[in-house]
Amino acid sequence: MTRATQSRTRRDVLRGAAALGLAGMGAALPRALRAANALRIGAPAPAADLVTLDGRKIVTTDLKGQVIILTFWATWCGPCRQELPLLSAYATAHAGQGLTVLGLSLDGTEDLPKVQAVARTLSFPVGLLAHANLPGYGRIWRIPVNFTIDRAGRLVDDGWKDKEASWTADRLERIVTPLLSR
């Protein structure tokens, strides 16, 4: 199977999972739930690596002292595209307070021009997620999904368990803003 075919297959699986919810995951669901259930609020957040579109490598464990939001999205995801401008504006407004937002796109390499077009409108680094499974966070089967890490590297918001999948101004104020004043 070619890399482009693998990317299309992954994208199609993710689209189907997003459309069907939990029923669309089949055998992959138990693995995704085990990884998601391994995340513990207040425990050290699993390290996440992002290779940005311009080739920089950012590792969350190197960002201690920052509040970090990991946001998983795709160009074909309507709710993702709605939250990205809000998240970008929030990141700009709070960068001086130690906020770092990292965008991980689930688009395939064949959609790189679309990802680049969206990324140009954002104030935070974006990269393509190499696999739909991020070690420590599980299979990314629902998007948008977000995780928040405090300045000490602890997970403070688990996107798998949060009933609100997308960021809203109220949710950012409730979850992230208090972390920035600590």
Protein backbone atom coordinates (compact mmCIF):
# COMPACT_ATOMS: atom_id res chain seq x y z
CA MET A 1 0.00 0.00 0.00
CA THR A 2 1.44 3.39 -0.95
CA ARG A 3 1.87 6.16 1.61
CA ALA A 4 -0.83 8.22 -0.14
CA THR A 5 -3.22 5.26 -0.02
CA GLN A 6 -2.45 4.74 3.69
CA SER A 7 -3.15 8.41 4.36
CA ARG A 8 -6.41 8.26 2.43
CA THR A 9 -7.39 5.09 4.26
CA ARG A 10 -6.59 6.67 7.63
CA ARG A 11 -8.53 9.79 6.68
CA ASP A 12 -11.50 7.73 5.53
CA VAL A 13 -11.47 5.72 8.78
CA LEU A 14 -11.33 8.91 10.81
CA ARG A 15 -14.12 10.49 8.78
CA GLY A 16 -16.23 7.39 9.30
CA ALA A 17 -15.45 7.30 13.01
CA ALA A 18 -16.36 10.95 13.33
CA ALA A 19 -19.61 10.37 11.48
CA LEU A 20 -20.54 7.17 13.27
CA GLY A 21 -19.21 7.92 16.73
CA LEU A 22 -18.08 4.93 18.75
CA ALA A 23 -19.83 2.37 16.55
CA GLY A 24 -17.46 3.08 13.66
CA MET A 25 -14.32 1.97 15.48
CA GLY A 26 -14.78 -1.78 15.62
CA ALA A 27 -11.79 -3.63 17.07
CA ALA A 28 -9.69 -0.45 17.36
CA LEU A 29 -12.05 1.00 19.95
CA PRO A 30 -10.87 -1.12 22.92
CA ARG A 31 -7.23 -0.07 22.28
CA ALA A 32 -8.27 3.58 21.97
CA LEU A 33 -10.24 3.39 25.19
CA ARG A 34 -7.40 1.68 27.07
CA ALA A 35 -4.98 4.44 26.06
CA ALA A 36 -7.52 7.13 26.81
CA ASN A 37 -8.33 5.55 30.17
CA ALA A 38 -4.60 5.50 31.02
CA LEU A 39 -4.61 9.31 31.02
CA ARG A 40 -5.08 10.71 34.50
CA ILE A 41 -5.90 14.29 35.38
CA GLY A 42 -3.12 15.56 37.65
CA ALA A 43 -0.62 12.93 36.46
CA PRO A 44 2.33 13.78 34.23
CA ALA A 45 1.11 14.24 30.67
CA PRO A 46 2.55 11.83 28.10
CA ALA A 47 5.20 13.43 25.91
CA ALA A 48 3.97 14.48 22.49
CA ASP A 49 6.25 15.31 19.58
CA LEU A 50 5.27 17.71 16.82
CA VAL A 51 7.27 18.19 13.66
CA THR A 52 5.99 21.47 12.32
CA LEU A 53 5.26 22.16 8.67
CA ASP A 54 8.56 24.06 8.48
CA GLY A 55 10.51 21.11 9.94
CA ARG A 56 11.02 22.21 13.56
CA LYS A 57 10.63 19.53 16.22
CA ILE A 58 8.71 20.51 19.36
CA VAL A 59 8.44 18.11 22.29
CA THR A 60 5.96 18.92 25.04
CA THR A 61 8.29 17.72 27.79
CA ASP A 62 10.75 20.45 26.70
CA LEU A 63 8.07 23.09 27.35
CA LYS A 64 7.86 22.82 31.16
CA GLY A 65 6.89 26.18 32.57
CA GLN A 66 4.43 26.72 29.71
CA VAL A 67 0.71 25.93 29.64
CA ILE A 68 0.23 23.70 26.60
CA ILE A 69 -2.84 22.98 24.53
CA LEU A 70 -2.62 20.07 22.11
CA THR A 71 -5.34 20.41 19.51
CA PHE A 72 -6.10 17.66 17.00
CA TRP A 73 -7.94 18.75 13.85
CA ALA A 74 -8.30 18.24 10.10
CA THR A 75 -9.19 20.44 7.16
CA TRP A 76 -12.29 18.36 6.43
CA CYS A 77 -13.63 18.68 10.01
CA GLY A 78 -16.21 21.47 10.26
CA PRO A 79 -16.15 21.82 14.07
CA CYS A 80 -12.33 21.89 13.95
CA ARG A 81 -12.32 24.67 11.38
CA GLN A 82 -14.76 26.64 13.58
CA GLU A 83 -12.62 26.37 16.72
CA LEU A 84 -9.24 27.08 15.10
CA PRO A 85 -9.70 30.88 14.68
CA LEU A 86 -10.91 31.16 18.29
CA LEU A 87 -7.98 29.12 19.55
CA SER A 88 -5.56 31.15 17.42
CA ALA A 89 -6.85 34.45 18.79
CA TYR A 90 -6.68 33.11 22.34
CA ALA A 91 -3.11 31.88 21.77
CA THR A 92 -2.07 35.30 20.49
CA ALA A 93 -3.71 37.10 23.39
CA HIS A 94 -2.07 34.86 25.99
CA ALA A 95 1.32 33.99 24.50
CA GLY A 96 3.01 36.49 26.82
CA GLN A 97 1.56 34.63 29.80
CA GLY A 98 3.24 31.38 28.80
CA LEU A 99 0.64 29.69 26.60
CA THR A 100 1.79 27.36 23.84
CA VAL A 101 -0.71 25.83 21.44
CA LEU A 102 0.35 22.97 19.17
CA GLY A 103 -1.87 21.95 16.26
CA LEU A 104 -1.73 18.35 15.07
CA SER A 105 -3.50 17.82 11.78
CA LEU A 106 -4.86 14.40 10.85
CA ASP A 107 -4.83 15.23 7.15
CA GLY A 108 -2.75 13.04 4.86
CA THR A 109 0.33 14.27 3.05
CA GLU A 110 -1.71 14.57 -0.14
CA ASP A 111 -3.67 17.35 1.60
CA LEU A 112 -0.56 19.26 2.64
CA PRO A 113 -1.46 22.36 0.54
CA LYS A 114 -4.82 22.58 2.35
CA VAL A 115 -3.15 22.19 5.75
CA GLN A 116 -0.58 24.86 4.85
CA ALA A 117 -3.35 27.25 3.79
CA VAL A 118 -5.12 26.82 7.13
CA ALA A 119 -1.85 26.97 9.09
CA ARG A 120 -0.99 30.35 7.52
CA THR A 121 -4.06 31.79 9.26
CA LEU A 122 -3.08 30.45 12.69
CA SER A 123 -0.79 31.92 15.34
CA PHE A 124 0.51 28.56 16.54
CA PRO A 125 2.69 25.84 15.02
CA VAL A 126 1.02 23.08 13.04
CA GLY A 127 2.27 19.69 11.93
CA LEU A 128 0.86 16.56 10.35
CA LEU A 129 0.30 13.71 12.76
CA ALA A 130 2.34 10.84 11.34
CA HIS A 131 -0.09 8.21 12.66
CA ALA A 132 -3.63 8.32 13.99
CA ASN A 133 -2.23 6.85 17.21
CA LEU A 134 -0.28 9.18 19.48
CA PRO A 135 1.62 7.25 22.18
CA GLY A 136 0.15 7.94 25.60
CA TYR A 137 -2.98 9.59 24.18
CA GLY A 138 -4.32 6.67 22.16
CA ARG A 139 -5.84 6.47 18.74
CA ILE A 140 -7.21 9.83 17.68
CA TRP A 141 -10.64 8.61 16.66
CA ARG A 142 -12.66 11.75 17.35
CA ILE A 143 -11.89 15.31 16.36
CA PRO A 144 -11.68 17.95 17.41
CA VAL A 145 -10.07 16.67 20.57
CA ASN A 146 -7.85 18.74 22.86
CA PHE A 147 -5.61 18.14 25.84
CA THR A 148 -4.29 20.77 28.25
CA ILE A 149 -1.04 20.48 30.18
CA ASP A 150 -0.12 22.77 33.08
CA ARG A 151 3.22 24.47 33.72
CA ALA A 152 4.47 21.47 35.75
CA GLY A 153 3.76 19.06 32.87
CA ARG A 154 0.60 17.58 34.38
CA LEU A 155 -2.52 16.80 32.39
CA VAL A 156 -5.32 19.12 33.51
CA ASP A 157 -7.90 18.59 30.77
CA ASP A 158 -8.49 15.23 29.09
CA GLY A 159 -10.21 15.68 25.76
CA TRP A 160 -11.46 12.11 25.73
CA LYS A 161 -13.50 12.58 28.87
CA ASP A 162 -14.62 16.17 28.30
CA LYS A 163 -18.22 16.32 27.12
CA GLU A 164 -17.44 19.54 25.24
CA ALA A 165 -15.26 18.44 22.33
CA SER A 166 -14.57 21.88 20.87
CA TRP A 167 -13.06 24.93 22.46
CA THR A 168 -15.40 27.82 23.14
CA ALA A 169 -14.51 31.18 24.67
CA ASP A 170 -16.22 30.08 27.90
CA ARG A 171 -14.37 26.76 28.03
CA LEU A 172 -10.99 28.46 27.43
CA GLU A 173 -11.73 30.96 30.21
CA ARG A 174 -12.82 28.19 32.57
CA ILE A 175 -9.99 25.71 31.90
CA VAL A 176 -6.95 27.55 30.54
CA THR A 177 -7.07 31.12 31.86
CA PRO A 178 -6.74 30.08 35.54
CA LEU A 179 -3.62 28.06 34.65
CA LEU A 180 -1.99 31.14 33.11
CA SER A 181 -2.21 33.11 36.35
CA ARG A 182 -0.38 30.44 38.38
